[in-house]
PDB file of N, CA and C in Angstrom:
ATOM      1  N   MET A   1       0.814  -1.170  -0.009  1.00  0.00           N
ATOM      2  CA  MET A   1      -0.009  -0.012   0.002  1.00  0.00           C
ATOM      3  C   MET A   1       0.861   1.237  -0.006  1.00  0.00           C
ATOM      4  N   GLY A   2       1.961   1.258   0.753  1.00  0.00           N
ATOM      5  CA  GLY A   2       2.864   2.393   0.758  1.00  0.00           C
ATOM      6  C   GLY A   2       3.521   2.626  -0.578  1.00  0.00           C
ATOM      7  N   LEU A   3       3.803   1.517  -1.318  1.00  0.00           N
ATOM      8  CA  LEU A   3       4.372   1.667  -2.672  1.00  0.00           C
ATOM      9  C   LEU A   3       3.393   2.303  -3.597  1.00  0.00           C
ATOM     10  N   GLY A   4       2.128   1.965  -3.523  1.00  0.00           N
ATOM     11  CA  GLY A   4       1.112   2.613  -4.355  1.00  0.00           C
ATOM     12  C   GLY A   4       1.014   4.089  -4.134  1.00  0.00           C
ATOM     13  N   ALA A   5       1.028   4.493  -2.863  1.00  0.00           N
ATOM     14  CA  ALA A   5       0.990   5.951  -2.547  1.00  0.00           C
ATOM     15  C   ALA A   5       2.231   6.647  -3.085  1.00  0.00           C
ATOM     16  N   TRP A   6       3.359   6.027  -2.915  1.00  0.00           N
ATOM     17  CA  TRP A   6       4.606   6.626  -3.426  1.00  0.00           C
ATOM     18  C   TRP A   6       4.566   6.793  -4.939  1.00  0.00           C
ATOM     19  N   LEU A   7       4.136   5.730  -5.660  1.00  0.00           N
ATOM     20  CA  LEU A   7       4.029   5.820  -7.107  1.00  0.00           C
ATOM     21  C   LEU A   7       3.025   6.900  -7.514  1.00  0.00           C
ATOM     22  N   ALA A   8       1.914   7.036  -6.791  1.00  0.00           N
ATOM     23  CA  ALA A   8       0.973   8.052  -7.112  1.00  0.00           C
ATOM     24  C   ALA A   8       1.575   9.453  -6.890  1.00  0.00           C
ATOM     25  N   ALA A   9       2.298   9.616  -5.859  1.00  0.00           N
ATOM     26  CA  ALA A   9       2.967  10.929  -5.633  1.00  0.00           C
ATOM     27  C   ALA A   9       3.985  11.266  -6.679  1.00  0.00           C
ATOM     28  N   VAL A  10       4.771  10.273  -7.060  1.00  0.00           N
ATOM     29  CA  VAL A  10       5.769  10.464  -8.135  1.00  0.00           C
ATOM     30  C   VAL A  10       5.031  10.860  -9.432  1.00  0.00           C
ATOM     31  N   ASN A  11       3.970  10.143  -9.746  1.00  0.00           N
ATOM     32  CA  ASN A  11       3.236  10.452 -10.926  1.00  0.00           C
ATOM     33  C   ASN A  11       2.668  11.833 -10.887  1.00  0.00           C
ATOM     34  N   ASP A  12       2.121  12.264  -9.820  1.00  0.00           N
ATOM     35  CA  ASP A  12       1.584  13.597  -9.611  1.00  0.00           C
ATOM     36  C   ASP A  12       2.659  14.648  -9.854  1.00  0.00           C
ATOM     37  N   GLU A  13       3.831  14.410  -9.295  1.00  0.00           N
ATOM     38  CA  GLU A  13       4.943  15.337  -9.430  1.00  0.00           C
ATOM     39  C   GLU A  13       5.403  15.452 -10.885  1.00  0.00           C
ATOM     40  N   GLN A  14       5.444  14.300 -11.575  1.00  0.00           N
ATOM     41  CA  GLN A  14       5.828  14.297 -12.985  1.00  0.00           C
ATOM     42  C   GLN A  14       4.765  15.021 -13.851  1.00  0.00           C
ATOM     43  N   GLN A  15       3.529  14.818 -13.534  1.00  0.00           N
ATOM     44  CA  GLN A  15       2.410  15.436 -14.261  1.00  0.00           C
ATOM     45  C   GLN A  15       2.504  16.947 -14.072  1.00  0.00           C
ATOM     46  N   TYR A  16       2.726  17.421 -12.897  1.00  0.00           N
ATOM     47  CA  TYR A  16       2.834  18.844 -12.593  1.00  0.00           C
ATOM     48  C   TYR A  16       3.999  19.401 -13.388  1.00  0.00           C
ATOM     49  N   ALA A  17       5.168  18.749 -13.350  1.00  0.00           N
ATOM     50  CA  ALA A  17       6.345  19.279 -14.034  1.00  0.00           C
ATOM     51  C   ALA A  17       6.086  19.368 -15.570  1.00  0.00           C
ATOM     52  N   ALA A  18       5.481  18.352 -16.121  1.00  0.00           N
ATOM     53  CA  ALA A  18       5.174  18.376 -17.527  1.00  0.00           C
ATOM     54  C   ALA A  18       4.195  19.504 -17.908  1.00  0.00           C
ATOM     55  N   GLU A  19       3.158  19.666 -17.063  1.00  0.00           N
ATOM     56  CA  GLU A  19       2.181  20.715 -17.338  1.00  0.00           C
ATOM     57  C   GLU A  19       2.803  22.126 -17.196  1.00  0.00           C
ATOM     58  N   GLU A  20       3.657  22.273 -16.193  1.00  0.00           N
ATOM     59  CA  GLU A  20       4.329  23.548 -16.017  1.00  0.00           C
ATOM     60  C   GLU A  20       5.236  23.900 -17.192  1.00  0.00           C
ATOM     61  N   ALA A  21       5.978  22.881 -17.678  1.00  0.00           N
ATOM     62  CA  ALA A  21       6.854  23.079 -18.838  1.00  0.00           C
ATOM     63  C   ALA A  21       6.039  23.490 -20.067  1.00  0.00           C
ATOM     64  N   ARG A  22       4.894  22.764 -20.270  1.00  0.00           N
ATOM     65  CA  ARG A  22       4.026  23.065 -21.442  1.00  0.00           C
ATOM     66  C   ARG A  22       3.520  24.500 -21.312  1.00  0.00           C
ATOM     67  N   GLU A  23       3.036  24.901 -20.143  1.00  0.00           N
ATOM     68  CA  GLU A  23       2.555  26.278 -19.941  1.00  0.00           C
ATOM     69  C   GLU A  23       3.656  27.286 -20.172  1.00  0.00           C
ATOM     70  N   ARG A  24       4.816  27.020 -19.703  1.00  0.00           N
ATOM     71  CA  ARG A  24       5.962  27.965 -19.952  1.00  0.00           C
ATOM     72  C   ARG A  24       6.217  28.124 -21.488  1.00  0.00           C
ATOM     73  N   ARG A  25       6.163  27.042 -22.163  1.00  0.00           N
ATOM     74  CA  ARG A  25       6.338  27.153 -23.654  1.00  0.00           C
ATOM     75  C   ARG A  25       5.251  27.945 -24.286  1.00  0.00           C
ATOM     76  N   GLU A  26       3.972  27.648 -23.893  1.00  0.00           N
ATOM     77  CA  GLU A  26       2.845  28.313 -24.543  1.00  0.00           C
ATOM     78  C   GLU A  26       2.781  29.790 -24.211  1.00  0.00           C
ATOM     79  N   VAL A  27       3.180  30.206 -23.074  1.00  0.00           N
ATOM     80  CA  VAL A  27       3.177  31.601 -22.707  1.00  0.00           C
ATOM     81  C   VAL A  27       4.161  32.351 -23.596  1.00  0.00           C
ATOM     82  N   VAL A  28       5.290  31.728 -23.918  1.00  0.00           N
ATOM     83  CA  VAL A  28       6.319  32.349 -24.786  1.00  0.00           C
ATOM     84  C   VAL A  28       5.925  32.223 -26.268  1.00  0.00           C
ATOM     85  N   GLU A  29       5.523  31.034 -26.694  1.00  0.00           N
ATOM     86  CA  GLU A  29       5.214  30.760 -28.125  1.00  0.00           C
ATOM     87  C   GLU A  29       3.862  31.185 -28.572  1.00  0.00           C
ATOM     88  N   LYS A  30       2.892  31.196 -27.718  1.00  0.00           N
ATOM     89  CA  LYS A  30       1.481  31.512 -28.133  1.00  0.00           C
ATOM     90  C   LYS A  30       0.848  32.503 -27.136  1.00  0.00           C
ATOM     91  N   PRO A  31       1.460  33.655 -26.916  1.00  0.00           N
ATOM     92  CA  PRO A  31       0.915  34.531 -25.892  1.00  0.00           C
ATOM     93  C   PRO A  31      -0.502  34.992 -26.195  1.00  0.00           C
ATOM     94  N   ALA A  32      -0.829  35.221 -27.481  1.00  0.00           N
ATOM     95  CA  ALA A  32      -2.226  35.719 -27.827  1.00  0.00           C
ATOM     96  C   ALA A  32      -3.218  34.603 -27.482  1.00  0.00           C
ATOM     97  N   ALA A  33      -2.922  33.392 -27.782  1.00  0.00           N
ATOM     98  CA  ALA A  33      -3.813  32.276 -27.493  1.00  0.00           C
ATOM     99  C   ALA A  33      -4.023  32.128 -25.969  1.00  0.00           C
ATOM    100  N   GLU A  34      -2.943  32.272 -25.224  1.00  0.00           N
ATOM    101  CA  GLU A  34      -3.034  32.160 -23.765  1.00  0.00           C
ATOM    102  C   GLU A  34      -3.819  33.322 -23.247  1.00  0.00           C
ATOM    103  N   GLU A  35      -3.657  34.467 -23.757  1.00  0.00           N
ATOM    104  CA  GLU A  35      -4.437  35.667 -23.339  1.00  0.00           C
ATOM    105  C   GLU A  35      -5.931  35.417 -23.619  1.00  0.00           C
ATOM    106  N   GLU A  36      -6.235  34.952 -24.773  1.00  0.00           N
ATOM    107  CA  GLU A  36      -7.618  34.662 -25.126  1.00  0.00           C
ATOM    108  C   GLU A  36      -8.245  33.624 -24.191  1.00  0.00           C
ATOM    109  N   GLU A  37      -7.454  32.639 -23.777  1.00  0.00           N
ATOM    110  CA  GLU A  37      -7.955  31.606 -22.855  1.00  0.00           C
ATOM    111  C   GLU A  37      -8.390  32.267 -21.537  1.00  0.00           C
ATOM    112  N   ILE A  38      -7.591  33.211 -21.054  1.00  0.00           N
ATOM    113  CA  ILE A  38      -8.001  33.869 -19.803  1.00  0.00           C
ATOM    114  C   ILE A  38      -9.333  34.608 -20.010  1.00  0.00           C
ATOM    115  N   TYR A  39      -9.418  35.358 -21.121  1.00  0.00           N
ATOM    116  CA  TYR A  39     -10.699  36.083 -21.382  1.00  0.00           C
ATOM    117  C   TYR A  39     -11.914  35.097 -21.442  1.00  0.00           C
ATOM    118  N   GLU A  40     -11.646  33.955 -22.126  1.00  0.00           N
ATOM    119  CA  GLU A  40     -12.690  32.958 -22.321  1.00  0.00           C
ATOM    120  C   GLU A  40     -13.150  32.411 -20.963  1.00  0.00           C
ATOM    121  N   ILE A  41     -12.175  32.162 -20.124  1.00  0.00           N
ATOM    122  CA  ILE A  41     -12.468  31.555 -18.785  1.00  0.00           C
ATOM    123  C   ILE A  41     -13.320  32.562 -17.998  1.00  0.00           C
ATOM    124  N   MET A  42     -12.883  33.835 -18.013  1.00  0.00           N
ATOM    125  CA  MET A  42     -13.558  34.859 -17.222  1.00  0.00           C
ATOM    126  C   MET A  42     -14.952  35.126 -17.761  1.00  0.00           C
ATOM    127  N   ARG A  43     -15.104  35.092 -19.120  1.00  0.00           N
ATOM    128  CA  ARG A  43     -16.426  35.294 -19.709  1.00  0.00           C
ATOM    129  C   ARG A  43     -17.370  34.218 -19.194  1.00  0.00           C
ATOM    130  N   ALA A  44     -16.866  32.975 -19.059  1.00  0.00           N
ATOM    131  CA  ALA A  44     -17.702  31.921 -18.616  1.00  0.00           C
ATOM    132  C   ALA A  44     -18.273  32.171 -17.246  1.00  0.00           C
ATOM    133  N   TYR A  45     -17.599  33.028 -16.481  1.00  0.00           N
ATOM    134  CA  TYR A  45     -18.074  33.353 -15.146  1.00  0.00           C
ATOM    135  C   TYR A  45     -18.787  34.738 -15.115  1.00  0.00           C
ATOM    136  N   GLY A  46     -19.067  35.229 -16.333  1.00  0.00           N
ATOM    137  CA  GLY A  46     -19.841  36.462 -16.429  1.00  0.00           C
ATOM    138  C   GLY A  46     -18.983  37.722 -16.253  1.00  0.00           C
ATOM    139  N   VAL A  47     -17.692  37.600 -16.372  1.00  0.00           N
ATOM    140  CA  VAL A  47     -16.789  38.726 -16.196  1.00  0.00           C
ATOM    141  C   VAL A  47     -16.404  39.257 -17.585  1.00  0.00           C
ATOM    142  N   SER A  48     -16.699  40.541 -17.832  1.00  0.00           N
ATOM    143  CA  SER A  48     -16.445  41.115 -19.185  1.00  0.00           C
ATOM    144  C   SER A  48     -14.928  41.199 -19.485  1.00  0.00           C
ATOM    145  N   GLU A  49     -14.664  41.281 -20.775  1.00  0.00           N
ATOM    146  CA  GLU A  49     -13.248  41.441 -21.239  1.00  0.00           C
ATOM    147  C   GLU A  49     -12.650  42.726 -20.654  1.00  0.00           C
ATOM    148  N   GLU A  50     -13.492  43.782 -20.575  1.00  0.00           N
ATOM    149  CA  GLU A  50     -12.970  45.043 -20.039  1.00  0.00           C
ATOM    150  C   GLU A  50     -12.568  44.898 -18.576  1.00  0.00           C
ATOM    151  N   ALA A  51     -13.367  44.171 -17.818  1.00  0.00           N
ATOM    152  CA  ALA A  51     -13.052  43.923 -16.414  1.00  0.00           C
ATOM    153  C   ALA A  51     -11.847  43.058 -16.225  1.00  0.00           C
ATOM    154  N   THR A  52     -11.680  42.102 -17.193  1.00  0.00           N
ATOM    155  CA  THR A  52     -10.588  41.122 -17.104  1.00  0.00           C
ATOM    156  C   THR A  52      -9.231  41.693 -17.598  1.00  0.00           C
ATOM    157  N   ARG A  53      -9.322  42.712 -18.450  1.00  0.00           N
ATOM    158  CA  ARG A  53      -8.074  43.274 -19.085  1.00  0.00           C
ATOM    159  C   ARG A  53      -7.020  43.627 -18.062  1.00  0.00           C
ATOM    160  N   PRO A  54      -7.299  44.278 -16.946  1.00  0.00           N
ATOM    161  CA  PRO A  54      -6.228  44.571 -15.968  1.00  0.00           C
ATOM    162  C   PRO A  54      -5.562  43.307 -15.433  1.00  0.00           C
ATOM    163  N   LEU A  55      -6.343  42.248 -15.218  1.00  0.00           N
ATOM    164  CA  LEU A  55      -5.716  41.008 -14.759  1.00  0.00           C
ATOM    165  C   LEU A  55      -4.775  40.417 -15.816  1.00  0.00           C
ATOM    166  N   VAL A  56      -5.247  40.425 -17.076  1.00  0.00           N
ATOM    167  CA  VAL A  56      -4.450  39.913 -18.175  1.00  0.00           C
ATOM    168  C   VAL A  56      -3.174  40.716 -18.322  1.00  0.00           C
ATOM    169  N   GLU A  57      -3.300  42.061 -18.244  1.00  0.00           N
ATOM    170  CA  GLU A  57      -2.120  42.867 -18.406  1.00  0.00           C
ATOM    171  C   GLU A  57      -1.092  42.630 -17.245  1.00  0.00           C
ATOM    172  N   GLN A  58      -1.622  42.432 -16.066  1.00  0.00           N
ATOM    173  CA  GLN A  58      -0.783  42.104 -14.895  1.00  0.00           C
ATOM    174  C   GLN A  58      -0.053  40.782 -15.148  1.00  0.00           C
ATOM    175  N   LEU A  59      -0.810  39.766 -15.640  1.00  0.00           N
ATOM    176  CA  LEU A  59      -0.217  38.423 -15.931  1.00  0.00           C
ATOM    177  C   LEU A  59       0.859  38.533 -17.016  1.00  0.00           C
ATOM    178  N   LYS A  60       0.557  39.339 -18.018  1.00  0.00           N
ATOM    179  CA  LYS A  60       1.504  39.461 -19.150  1.00  0.00           C
ATOM    180  C   LYS A  60       2.842  40.046 -18.594  1.00  0.00           C
ATOM    181  N   GLY A  61       2.784  40.868 -17.579  1.00  0.00           N
ATOM    182  CA  GLY A  61       3.982  41.476 -17.059  1.00  0.00           C
ATOM    183  C   GLY A  61       4.718  40.567 -16.052  1.00  0.00           C
ATOM    184  N   ASN A  62       4.108  39.435 -15.716  1.00  0.00           N
ATOM    185  CA  ASN A  62       4.723  38.504 -14.753  1.00  0.00           C
ATOM    186  C   ASN A  62       4.537  37.101 -15.244  1.00  0.00           C
ATOM    187  N   GLN A  63       5.405  36.698 -16.116  1.00  0.00           N
ATOM    188  CA  GLN A  63       5.348  35.392 -16.781  1.00  0.00           C
ATOM    189  C   GLN A  63       5.245  34.212 -15.766  1.00  0.00           C
ATOM    190  N   GLU A  64       5.962  34.330 -14.719  1.00  0.00           N
ATOM    191  CA  GLU A  64       5.930  33.311 -13.653  1.00  0.00           C
ATOM    192  C   GLU A  64       4.534  33.093 -13.070  1.00  0.00           C
ATOM    193  N   MET A  65       3.866  34.224 -12.799  1.00  0.00           N
ATOM    194  CA  MET A  65       2.554  34.161 -12.230  1.00  0.00           C
ATOM    195  C   MET A  65       1.536  33.601 -13.302  1.00  0.00           C
ATOM    196  N   TRP A  66       1.731  34.009 -14.537  1.00  0.00           N
ATOM    197  CA  TRP A  66       0.853  33.546 -15.632  1.00  0.00           C
ATOM    198  C   TRP A  66       0.944  32.029 -15.680  1.00  0.00           C
ATOM    199  N   VAL A  67       2.109  31.454 -15.633  1.00  0.00           N
ATOM    200  CA  VAL A  67       2.343  30.016 -15.699  1.00  0.00           C
ATOM    201  C   VAL A  67       1.647  29.373 -14.468  1.00  0.00           C
ATOM    202  N   LYS A  68       1.781  29.974 -13.363  1.00  0.00           N
ATOM    203  CA  LYS A  68       1.167  29.423 -12.101  1.00  0.00           C
ATOM    204  C   LYS A  68      -0.388  29.405 -12.208  1.00  0.00           C
ATOM    205  N   VAL A  69      -0.946  30.532 -12.707  1.00  0.00           N
ATOM    206  CA  VAL A  69      -2.400  30.622 -12.789  1.00  0.00           C
ATOM    207  C   VAL A  69      -2.921  29.562 -13.765  1.00  0.00           C
ATOM    208  N   ARG A  70      -2.313  29.476 -14.947  1.00  0.00           N
ATOM    209  CA  ARG A  70      -2.819  28.534 -15.989  1.00  0.00           C
ATOM    210  C   ARG A  70      -2.555  27.079 -15.503  1.00  0.00           C
ATOM    211  N   GLY A  71      -1.436  26.843 -14.926  1.00  0.00           N
ATOM    212  CA  GLY A  71      -1.135  25.473 -14.417  1.00  0.00           C
ATOM    213  C   GLY A  71      -2.084  25.082 -13.306  1.00  0.00           C
ATOM    214  N   PHE A  72      -2.450  25.985 -12.454  1.00  0.00           N
ATOM    215  CA  PHE A  72      -3.412  25.696 -11.368  1.00  0.00           C
ATOM    216  C   PHE A  72      -4.760  25.335 -12.009  1.00  0.00           C
ATOM    217  N   GLN A  73      -5.215  26.076 -12.951  1.00  0.00           N
ATOM    218  CA  GLN A  73      -6.518  25.882 -13.594  1.00  0.00           C
ATOM    219  C   GLN A  73      -6.539  24.446 -14.164  1.00  0.00           C
ATOM    220  N   ILE A  74      -5.534  24.093 -14.958  1.00  0.00           N
ATOM    221  CA  ILE A  74      -5.517  22.817 -15.616  1.00  0.00           C
ATOM    222  C   ILE A  74      -5.324  21.686 -14.652  1.00  0.00           C
ATOM    223  N   LEU A  75      -4.377  21.835 -13.717  1.00  0.00           N
ATOM    224  CA  LEU A  75      -4.126  20.766 -12.779  1.00  0.00           C
ATOM    225  C   LEU A  75      -5.275  20.548 -11.769  1.00  0.00           C
ATOM    226  N   THR A  76      -5.936  21.549 -11.463  1.00  0.00           N
ATOM    227  CA  THR A  76      -7.036  21.422 -10.456  1.00  0.00           C
ATOM    228  C   THR A  76      -8.199  20.722 -11.067  1.00  0.00           C
ATOM    229  N   PHE A  77      -8.539  21.024 -12.315  1.00  0.00           N
ATOM    230  CA  PHE A  77      -9.730  20.478 -12.918  1.00  0.00           C
ATOM    231  C   PHE A  77      -9.398  19.481 -14.065  1.00  0.00           C
ATOM    232  N   GLY A  78      -8.156  19.380 -14.456  1.00  0.00           N
ATOM    233  CA  GLY A  78      -7.800  18.594 -15.630  1.00  0.00           C
ATOM    234  C   GLY A  78      -8.229  19.327 -16.887  1.00  0.00           C
ATOM    235  N   ALA A  79      -7.582  19.006 -17.997  1.00  0.00           N
ATOM    236  CA  ALA A  79      -7.960  19.727 -19.231  1.00  0.00           C
ATOM    237  C   ALA A  79      -9.410  19.555 -19.615  1.00  0.00           C
ATOM    238  N   GLU A  80      -9.908  18.295 -19.549  1.00  0.00           N
ATOM    239  CA  GLU A  80     -11.287  18.045 -19.893  1.00  0.00           C
ATOM    240  C   GLU A  80     -12.225  18.599 -18.842  1.00  0.00           C
ATOM    241  N   GLY A  81     -11.845  18.352 -17.616  1.00  0.00           N
ATOM    242  CA  GLY A  81     -12.670  18.861 -16.491  1.00  0.00           C
ATOM    243  C   GLY A  81     -12.788  20.367 -16.508  1.00  0.00           C
ATOM    244  N   PHE A  82     -11.692  21.025 -16.885  1.00  0.00           N
ATOM    245  CA  PHE A  82     -11.695  22.455 -16.900  1.00  0.00           C
ATOM    246  C   PHE A  82     -12.569  22.980 -18.057  1.00  0.00           C
ATOM    247  N   ALA A  83     -12.556  22.287 -19.164  1.00  0.00           N
ATOM    248  CA  ALA A  83     -13.426  22.640 -20.260  1.00  0.00           C
ATOM    249  C   ALA A  83     -14.888  22.461 -19.915  1.00  0.00           C
ATOM    250  N   LEU A  84     -15.165  21.380 -19.156  1.00  0.00           N
ATOM    251  CA  LEU A  84     -16.528  21.141 -18.752  1.00  0.00           C
ATOM    252  C   LEU A  84     -16.979  22.197 -17.728  1.00  0.00           C
ATOM    253  N   LEU A  85     -16.075  22.557 -16.825  1.00  0.00           N
ATOM    254  CA  LEU A  85     -16.379  23.565 -15.808  1.00  0.00           C
ATOM    255  C   LEU A  85     -16.666  24.902 -16.502  1.00  0.00           C
ATOM    256  N   THR A  86     -15.901  25.273 -17.500  1.00  0.00           N
ATOM    257  CA  THR A  86     -16.122  26.487 -18.248  1.00  0.00           C
ATOM    258  C   THR A  86     -17.458  26.470 -18.922  1.00  0.00           C
ATOM    259  N   SER A  87     -17.775  25.354 -19.580  1.00  0.00           N
ATOM    260  CA  SER A  87     -19.052  25.175 -20.255  1.00  0.00           C
ATOM    261  C   SER A  87     -20.232  25.235 -19.246  1.00  0.00           C
ATOM    262  N   ALA A  88     -20.039  24.676 -18.103  1.00  0.00           N
ATOM    263  CA  ALA A  88     -21.130  24.681 -17.063  1.00  0.00           C
ATOM    264  C   ALA A  88     -21.331  26.122 -16.570  1.00  0.00           C
ATOM    265  N   ALA A  89     -20.246  26.899 -16.402  1.00  0.00           N
ATOM    266  CA  ALA A  89     -20.350  28.242 -15.959  1.00  0.00           C
ATOM    267  C   ALA A  89     -21.103  29.077 -17.017  1.00  0.00           C
ATOM    268  N   CYS A  90     -20.866  28.780 -18.293  1.00  0.00           N
ATOM    269  CA  CYS A  90     -21.592  29.465 -19.375  1.00  0.00           C
ATOM    270  C   CYS A  90     -23.078  29.136 -19.301  1.00  0.00           C
ATOM    271  N   CYS A  91     -23.396  27.871 -19.025  1.00  0.00           N
ATOM    272  CA  CYS A  91     -24.811  27.450 -18.955  1.00  0.00           C
ATOM    273  C   CYS A  91     -25.531  28.103 -17.780  1.00  0.00           C
ATOM    274  N   VAL A  92     -24.821  28.170 -16.666  1.00  0.00           N
ATOM    275  CA  VAL A  92     -25.432  28.767 -15.492  1.00  0.00           C
ATOM    276  C   VAL A  92     -25.659  30.271 -15.759  1.00  0.00           C
ATOM    277  N   LYS A  93     -24.712  30.945 -16.348  1.00  0.00           N
ATOM    278  CA  LYS A  93     -24.893  32.370 -16.692  1.00  0.00           C
ATOM    279  C   LYS A  93     -26.058  32.586 -17.618  1.00  0.00           C
ATOM    280  N   CYS A  94     -26.141  31.704 -18.670  1.00  0.00           N
ATOM    281  CA  CYS A  94     -27.212  31.877 -19.701  1.00  0.00           C
ATOM    282  C   CYS A  94     -28.584  31.591 -19.110  1.00  0.00           C
ATOM    283  N   SER A  95     -28.688  30.732 -18.117  1.00  0.00           N
ATOM    284  CA  SER A  95     -29.951  30.350 -17.562  1.00  0.00           C
ATOM    285  C   SER A  95     -30.403  31.341 -16.468  1.00  0.00           C
ATOM    286  N   SER A  96     -29.558  32.213 -15.987  1.00  0.00           N
ATOM    287  CA  SER A  96     -29.923  33.117 -14.950  1.00  0.00           C
ATOM    288  C   SER A  96     -30.376  34.485 -15.484  1.00  0.00           C
TER     289      SER A  96
END
């Protein structure tokens, strides 16, 4: 049982490192797409692009924080789970 827990922890650490590396690349190679993702996420929660712009500008000025924010979103919910969460937030906003 201890071996299983250790293997799970190692796997989690490797997954985090891989996700962080991917986000670091994307922030450098595809900044416009990463910026649009933040706007899309916030729109799903009913926050306008105008209201989100200061956050995006702040993140653009701090690449390390941008990577942490995006990594947290993906790792917390998973890529598919995060997409579903965003879609659910859109549905809730549309129905209210």
